[in-house]
Amino acid sequence: MLGLSFAIAFFVDASLIIAAYLYTRFVFSGYLRKHHIKQWEQLLYGHEYRGLNILSFDKTAALWRFRCESNDDLGDPRISRMRRISIHLFNTAMIAWLTLIGVFLVGSIFFVLVLK
């Protein structure tokens, strides 16, 4: 039963991470590309372009900074709402992942101590 619980928790967490990735990479970036093409091109191919951003869900570091650190909404109220959704999805997924790892480690230590 414990193994099934961990499997379900892992599946839910993986689903959250995938949802955060898809929302950030395709929905948020796609909306910028469709409605704000000049700014999107600047964020992807502008003077700050240093290659793909492997450590983030965004394609470039400039796009990550725009999504996470900037308050500029380009005059479009949907951008700030999409930005909040994207950040909340990512934070929820990371908190769930760290919690799952923590519970697994504490559970493993407890299990080893009880068997001794």
N, C-alpha and C. Protein backbone atom coordinates (compact mmCIF):
# COMPACT_ATOMS: atom_id res chain seq x y z
N MET A 1 0.82 -1.20 0.00
CA MET A 1 0.00 0.00 0.00
C MET A 1 0.86 1.26 0.00
N LEU A 2 1.97 1.22 0.75
CA LEU A 2 2.87 2.36 0.81
C LEU A 2 3.50 2.62 -0.56
N GLY A 3 3.88 1.55 -1.23
CA GLY A 3 4.46 1.68 -2.57
C GLY A 3 3.48 2.29 -3.55
N LEU A 4 2.22 1.88 -3.46
CA LEU A 4 1.19 2.44 -4.33
C LEU A 4 0.99 3.93 -4.04
N SER A 5 1.05 4.30 -2.78
CA SER A 5 0.92 5.71 -2.40
C SER A 5 2.05 6.54 -3.00
N PHE A 6 3.28 6.04 -2.91
CA PHE A 6 4.41 6.75 -3.51
C PHE A 6 4.28 6.80 -5.02
N ALA A 7 3.82 5.74 -5.64
CA ALA A 7 3.65 5.72 -7.09
C ALA A 7 2.62 6.77 -7.52
N ILE A 8 1.52 6.86 -6.80
CA ILE A 8 0.49 7.85 -7.13
C ILE A 8 1.02 9.26 -6.91
N ALA A 9 1.73 9.48 -5.79
CA ALA A 9 2.30 10.80 -5.52
C ALA A 9 3.31 11.18 -6.60
N PHE A 10 4.12 10.23 -7.01
CA PHE A 10 5.11 10.49 -8.06
C PHE A 10 4.41 10.82 -9.38
N PHE A 11 3.37 10.09 -9.72
CA PHE A 11 2.63 10.34 -10.95
C PHE A 11 1.98 11.72 -10.94
N VAL A 12 1.38 12.10 -9.82
CA VAL A 12 0.74 13.41 -9.70
C VAL A 12 1.79 14.51 -9.83
N ASP A 13 2.93 14.32 -9.17
CA ASP A 13 3.99 15.32 -9.24
C ASP A 13 4.56 15.43 -10.65
N ALA A 14 4.78 14.30 -11.30
CA ALA A 14 5.27 14.32 -12.68
C ALA A 14 4.27 15.03 -13.59
N SER A 15 3.00 14.81 -13.35
CA SER A 15 1.96 15.48 -14.13
C SER A 15 2.00 16.99 -13.92
N LEU A 16 2.21 17.43 -12.67
CA LEU A 16 2.33 18.86 -12.39
C LEU A 16 3.54 19.47 -13.09
N ILE A 17 4.66 18.78 -13.08
CA ILE A 17 5.86 19.28 -13.74
C ILE A 17 5.64 19.37 -15.25
N ILE A 18 5.03 18.37 -15.82
CA ILE A 18 4.75 18.38 -17.26
C ILE A 18 3.76 19.49 -17.60
N ALA A 19 2.73 19.68 -16.78
CA ALA A 19 1.76 20.76 -17.01
C ALA A 19 2.45 22.12 -16.94
N ALA A 20 3.34 22.32 -15.97
CA ALA A 20 4.07 23.59 -15.84
C ALA A 20 4.96 23.81 -17.06
N TYR A 21 5.62 22.76 -17.52
CA TYR A 21 6.48 22.87 -18.70
C TYR A 21 5.67 23.22 -19.94
N LEU A 22 4.59 22.49 -20.17
CA LEU A 22 3.77 22.74 -21.35
C LEU A 22 3.16 24.14 -21.32
N TYR A 23 2.69 24.57 -20.16
CA TYR A 23 2.09 25.89 -20.06
C TYR A 23 3.13 26.98 -20.33
N THR A 24 4.30 26.84 -19.73
CA THR A 24 5.34 27.85 -19.90
C THR A 24 5.87 27.85 -21.32
N ARG A 25 6.23 26.68 -21.81
CA ARG A 25 6.91 26.59 -23.09
C ARG A 25 5.99 26.85 -24.27
N PHE A 26 4.76 26.39 -24.20
CA PHE A 26 3.89 26.49 -25.37
C PHE A 26 2.77 27.51 -25.22
N VAL A 27 2.09 27.56 -24.09
CA VAL A 27 0.96 28.47 -23.95
C VAL A 27 1.46 29.91 -23.77
N PHE A 28 2.32 30.13 -22.77
CA PHE A 28 2.82 31.48 -22.50
C PHE A 28 3.65 32.00 -23.67
N SER A 29 4.62 31.22 -24.09
CA SER A 29 5.48 31.64 -25.20
C SER A 29 4.69 31.76 -26.50
N GLY A 30 3.76 30.85 -26.72
CA GLY A 30 2.92 30.91 -27.91
C GLY A 30 2.03 32.14 -27.95
N TYR A 31 1.52 32.52 -26.78
CA TYR A 31 0.70 33.74 -26.71
C TYR A 31 1.54 34.96 -27.04
N LEU A 32 2.75 35.01 -26.49
CA LEU A 32 3.64 36.13 -26.82
C LEU A 32 3.94 36.15 -28.31
N ARG A 33 4.23 34.99 -28.89
CA ARG A 33 4.55 34.91 -30.31
C ARG A 33 3.37 35.37 -31.17
N LYS A 34 2.17 35.01 -30.77
CA LYS A 34 1.00 35.33 -31.58
C LYS A 34 0.57 36.80 -31.43
N HIS A 35 0.62 37.34 -30.22
CA HIS A 35 0.07 38.66 -29.97
C HIS A 35 1.11 39.77 -29.81
N HIS A 36 2.36 39.41 -29.56
CA HIS A 36 3.42 40.40 -29.35
C HIS A 36 4.69 39.91 -30.04
N ILE A 37 4.62 39.78 -31.36
CA ILE A 37 5.69 39.15 -32.14
C ILE A 37 7.03 39.88 -32.01
N LYS A 38 7.02 41.20 -32.03
CA LYS A 38 8.29 41.94 -31.93
C LYS A 38 8.99 41.68 -30.60
N GLN A 39 8.24 41.75 -29.51
CA GLN A 39 8.83 41.52 -28.19
C GLN A 39 9.28 40.06 -28.04
N TRP A 40 8.49 39.14 -28.59
CA TRP A 40 8.85 37.72 -28.53
C TRP A 40 10.16 37.47 -29.28
N GLU A 41 10.29 38.04 -30.48
CA GLU A 41 11.53 37.89 -31.24
C GLU A 41 12.71 38.52 -30.50
N GLN A 42 12.47 39.66 -29.86
CA GLN A 42 13.53 40.31 -29.09
C GLN A 42 13.98 39.41 -27.93
N LEU A 43 13.02 38.78 -27.26
CA LEU A 43 13.35 37.90 -26.14
C LEU A 43 14.06 36.63 -26.59
N LEU A 44 13.74 36.14 -27.78
CA LEU A 44 14.37 34.92 -28.26
C LEU A 44 15.67 35.15 -29.00
N TYR A 45 15.71 36.18 -29.84
CA TYR A 45 16.87 36.37 -30.71
C TYR A 45 17.54 37.71 -30.51
N GLY A 46 17.24 38.40 -29.42
CA GLY A 46 17.80 39.73 -29.16
C GLY A 46 19.28 39.68 -28.82
N HIS A 47 19.79 40.83 -28.41
CA HIS A 47 21.22 40.96 -28.12
C HIS A 47 21.66 40.12 -26.92
N GLU A 48 20.73 39.69 -26.08
CA GLU A 48 21.09 38.88 -24.92
C GLU A 48 21.12 37.39 -25.22
N TYR A 49 20.83 36.99 -26.44
CA TYR A 49 20.74 35.57 -26.76
C TYR A 49 22.08 34.88 -26.53
N ARG A 50 22.06 33.85 -25.72
CA ARG A 50 23.28 33.07 -25.40
C ARG A 50 23.04 31.58 -25.61
N GLY A 51 22.14 31.24 -26.47
CA GLY A 51 21.82 29.84 -26.70
C GLY A 51 20.59 29.43 -25.92
N LEU A 52 20.23 28.17 -26.04
CA LEU A 52 19.05 27.67 -25.37
C LEU A 52 19.23 27.64 -23.86
N ASN A 53 18.14 27.79 -23.16
CA ASN A 53 18.16 27.79 -21.70
C ASN A 53 17.80 26.39 -21.22
N ILE A 54 18.79 25.60 -20.89
CA ILE A 54 18.58 24.20 -20.54
C ILE A 54 18.04 24.04 -19.13
N LEU A 55 18.37 24.95 -18.22
CA LEU A 55 17.98 24.80 -16.82
C LEU A 55 16.59 25.35 -16.52
N SER A 56 15.88 25.83 -17.50
CA SER A 56 14.56 26.41 -17.27
C SER A 56 13.57 25.84 -18.27
N PHE A 57 12.30 26.11 -18.02
CA PHE A 57 11.27 25.69 -18.95
C PHE A 57 11.17 26.64 -20.14
N ASP A 58 11.77 27.81 -20.05
CA ASP A 58 11.72 28.80 -21.11
C ASP A 58 12.82 28.52 -22.14
N LYS A 59 12.62 29.02 -23.35
CA LYS A 59 13.57 28.76 -24.42
C LYS A 59 14.88 29.51 -24.22
N THR A 60 14.82 30.73 -23.70
CA THR A 60 16.03 31.52 -23.48
C THR A 60 16.00 32.14 -22.09
N ALA A 61 17.16 32.59 -21.66
CA ALA A 61 17.25 33.24 -20.35
C ALA A 61 16.47 34.56 -20.35
N ALA A 62 16.48 35.28 -21.47
CA ALA A 62 15.74 36.54 -21.54
C ALA A 62 14.24 36.30 -21.41
N LEU A 63 13.74 35.24 -22.00
CA LEU A 63 12.33 34.90 -21.87
C LEU A 63 12.00 34.50 -20.44
N TRP A 64 12.91 33.79 -19.78
CA TRP A 64 12.71 33.44 -18.37
C TRP A 64 12.64 34.69 -17.50
N ARG A 65 13.59 35.63 -17.74
CA ARG A 65 13.58 36.87 -16.97
C ARG A 65 12.30 37.66 -17.20
N PHE A 66 11.81 37.68 -18.44
CA PHE A 66 10.56 38.39 -18.72
C PHE A 66 9.40 37.72 -17.98
N ARG A 67 9.36 36.40 -17.98
CA ARG A 67 8.25 35.69 -17.35
C ARG A 67 8.31 35.76 -15.84
N CYS A 68 9.49 35.65 -15.25
CA CYS A 68 9.61 35.53 -13.79
C CYS A 68 9.97 36.82 -13.06
N GLU A 69 10.75 37.67 -13.66
CA GLU A 69 11.27 38.82 -12.94
C GLU A 69 10.71 40.17 -13.39
N SER A 70 10.19 40.24 -14.58
CA SER A 70 9.72 41.51 -15.12
C SER A 70 8.29 41.81 -14.67
N ASN A 71 8.00 43.08 -14.54
CA ASN A 71 6.63 43.52 -14.27
C ASN A 71 5.97 44.09 -15.51
N ASP A 72 6.70 44.10 -16.62
CA ASP A 72 6.18 44.64 -17.88
C ASP A 72 5.15 43.67 -18.45
N ASP A 73 3.95 44.17 -18.67
CA ASP A 73 2.92 43.30 -19.25
C ASP A 73 2.61 43.68 -20.70
N LEU A 74 3.44 44.54 -21.29
CA LEU A 74 3.30 44.96 -22.68
C LEU A 74 1.93 45.56 -22.97
N GLY A 75 1.28 46.08 -21.95
CA GLY A 75 -0.05 46.67 -22.12
C GLY A 75 -1.16 45.63 -22.27
N ASP A 76 -0.84 44.39 -21.98
CA ASP A 76 -1.80 43.29 -22.15
C ASP A 76 -2.06 42.66 -20.78
N PRO A 77 -3.27 42.80 -20.22
CA PRO A 77 -3.55 42.24 -18.89
C PRO A 77 -3.49 40.71 -18.84
N ARG A 78 -3.64 40.05 -19.97
CA ARG A 78 -3.56 38.58 -19.98
C ARG A 78 -2.16 38.09 -19.66
N ILE A 79 -1.15 38.87 -20.01
CA ILE A 79 0.23 38.45 -19.77
C ILE A 79 0.50 38.33 -18.28
N SER A 80 0.05 39.29 -17.50
CA SER A 80 0.31 39.20 -16.06
C SER A 80 -0.44 38.03 -15.44
N ARG A 81 -1.65 37.75 -15.90
CA ARG A 81 -2.39 36.58 -15.39
C ARG A 81 -1.71 35.28 -15.81
N MET A 82 -1.27 35.19 -17.06
CA MET A 82 -0.58 33.99 -17.53
C MET A 82 0.75 33.81 -16.80
N ARG A 83 1.42 34.92 -16.51
CA ARG A 83 2.68 34.87 -15.77
C ARG A 83 2.45 34.28 -14.38
N ARG A 84 1.40 34.74 -13.69
CA ARG A 84 1.09 34.23 -12.35
C ARG A 84 0.76 32.74 -12.40
N ILE A 85 -0.04 32.32 -13.37
CA ILE A 85 -0.39 30.90 -13.50
C ILE A 85 0.87 30.07 -13.73
N SER A 86 1.73 30.52 -14.61
CA SER A 86 2.96 29.80 -14.92
C SER A 86 3.85 29.66 -13.69
N ILE A 87 4.02 30.74 -12.95
CA ILE A 87 4.87 30.71 -11.76
C ILE A 87 4.25 29.83 -10.68
N HIS A 88 2.94 29.91 -10.49
CA HIS A 88 2.28 29.07 -9.48
C HIS A 88 2.36 27.59 -9.83
N LEU A 89 2.18 27.26 -11.11
CA LEU A 89 2.31 25.86 -11.52
C LEU A 89 3.73 25.34 -11.24
N PHE A 90 4.72 26.12 -11.61
CA PHE A 90 6.10 25.70 -11.40
C PHE A 90 6.41 25.56 -9.91
N ASN A 91 6.02 26.55 -9.11
CA ASN A 91 6.28 26.49 -7.67
C ASN A 91 5.58 25.30 -7.02
N THR A 92 4.34 25.05 -7.39
CA THR A 92 3.60 23.90 -6.85
C THR A 92 4.28 22.59 -7.21
N ALA A 93 4.72 22.49 -8.46
CA ALA A 93 5.40 21.26 -8.89
C ALA A 93 6.71 21.06 -8.12
N MET A 94 7.48 22.13 -7.92
CA MET A 94 8.75 22.00 -7.21
C MET A 94 8.54 21.70 -5.72
N ILE A 95 7.55 22.34 -5.11
CA ILE A 95 7.25 22.04 -3.71
C ILE A 95 6.81 20.60 -3.55
N ALA A 96 5.97 20.13 -4.47
CA ALA A 96 5.52 18.73 -4.41
C ALA A 96 6.70 17.79 -4.60
N TRP A 97 7.62 18.12 -5.52
CA TRP A 97 8.78 17.28 -5.76
C TRP A 97 9.68 17.21 -4.53
N LEU A 98 9.97 18.36 -3.94
CA LEU A 98 10.82 18.38 -2.75
C LEU A 98 10.15 17.69 -1.57
N THR A 99 8.85 17.85 -1.44
CA THR A 99 8.12 17.17 -0.38
C THR A 99 8.16 15.66 -0.57
N LEU A 100 7.99 15.23 -1.80
CA LEU A 100 8.04 13.80 -2.10
C LEU A 100 9.41 13.22 -1.77
N ILE A 101 10.45 13.94 -2.14
CA ILE A 101 11.81 13.48 -1.82
C ILE A 101 12.02 13.44 -0.31
N GLY A 102 11.56 14.50 0.38
CA GLY A 102 11.69 14.55 1.84
C GLY A 102 10.95 13.42 2.52
N VAL A 103 9.73 13.17 2.11
CA VAL A 103 8.94 12.08 2.71
C VAL A 103 9.61 10.74 2.41
N PHE A 104 10.11 10.58 1.22
CA PHE A 104 10.79 9.34 0.86
C PHE A 104 12.04 9.13 1.72
N LEU A 105 12.84 10.18 1.89
CA LEU A 105 14.05 10.05 2.71
C LEU A 105 13.73 9.78 4.17
N VAL A 106 12.80 10.53 4.73
CA VAL A 106 12.42 10.33 6.14
C VAL A 106 11.80 8.94 6.32
N GLY A 107 10.95 8.55 5.37
CA GLY A 107 10.34 7.22 5.43
C GLY A 107 11.38 6.12 5.33
N SER A 108 12.37 6.31 4.48
CA SER A 108 13.43 5.31 4.32
C SER A 108 14.26 5.19 5.59
N ILE A 109 14.62 6.32 6.17
CA ILE A 109 15.39 6.31 7.42
C ILE A 109 14.59 5.64 8.53
N PHE A 110 13.33 6.00 8.64
CA PHE A 110 12.46 5.39 9.64
C PHE A 110 12.35 3.90 9.43
N PHE A 111 12.18 3.47 8.19
CA PHE A 111 12.06 2.06 7.85
C PHE A 111 13.33 1.29 8.23
N VAL A 112 14.49 1.88 7.96
CA VAL A 112 15.76 1.23 8.28
C VAL A 112 15.93 1.14 9.79
N LEU A 113 15.58 2.19 10.51
CA LEU A 113 15.73 2.18 11.96
C LEU A 113 14.78 1.19 12.64
N VAL A 114 13.58 1.04 12.09
CA VAL A 114 12.61 0.11 12.67
C VAL A 114 13.05 -1.33 12.44
N LEU A 115 13.68 -1.61 11.30
CA LEU A 115 14.11 -2.98 11.00
C LEU A 115 15.32 -3.39 11.82
N LYS A 116 16.11 -2.46 12.31
CA LYS A 116 17.30 -2.81 13.10
C LYS A 116 16.94 -3.33 14.41
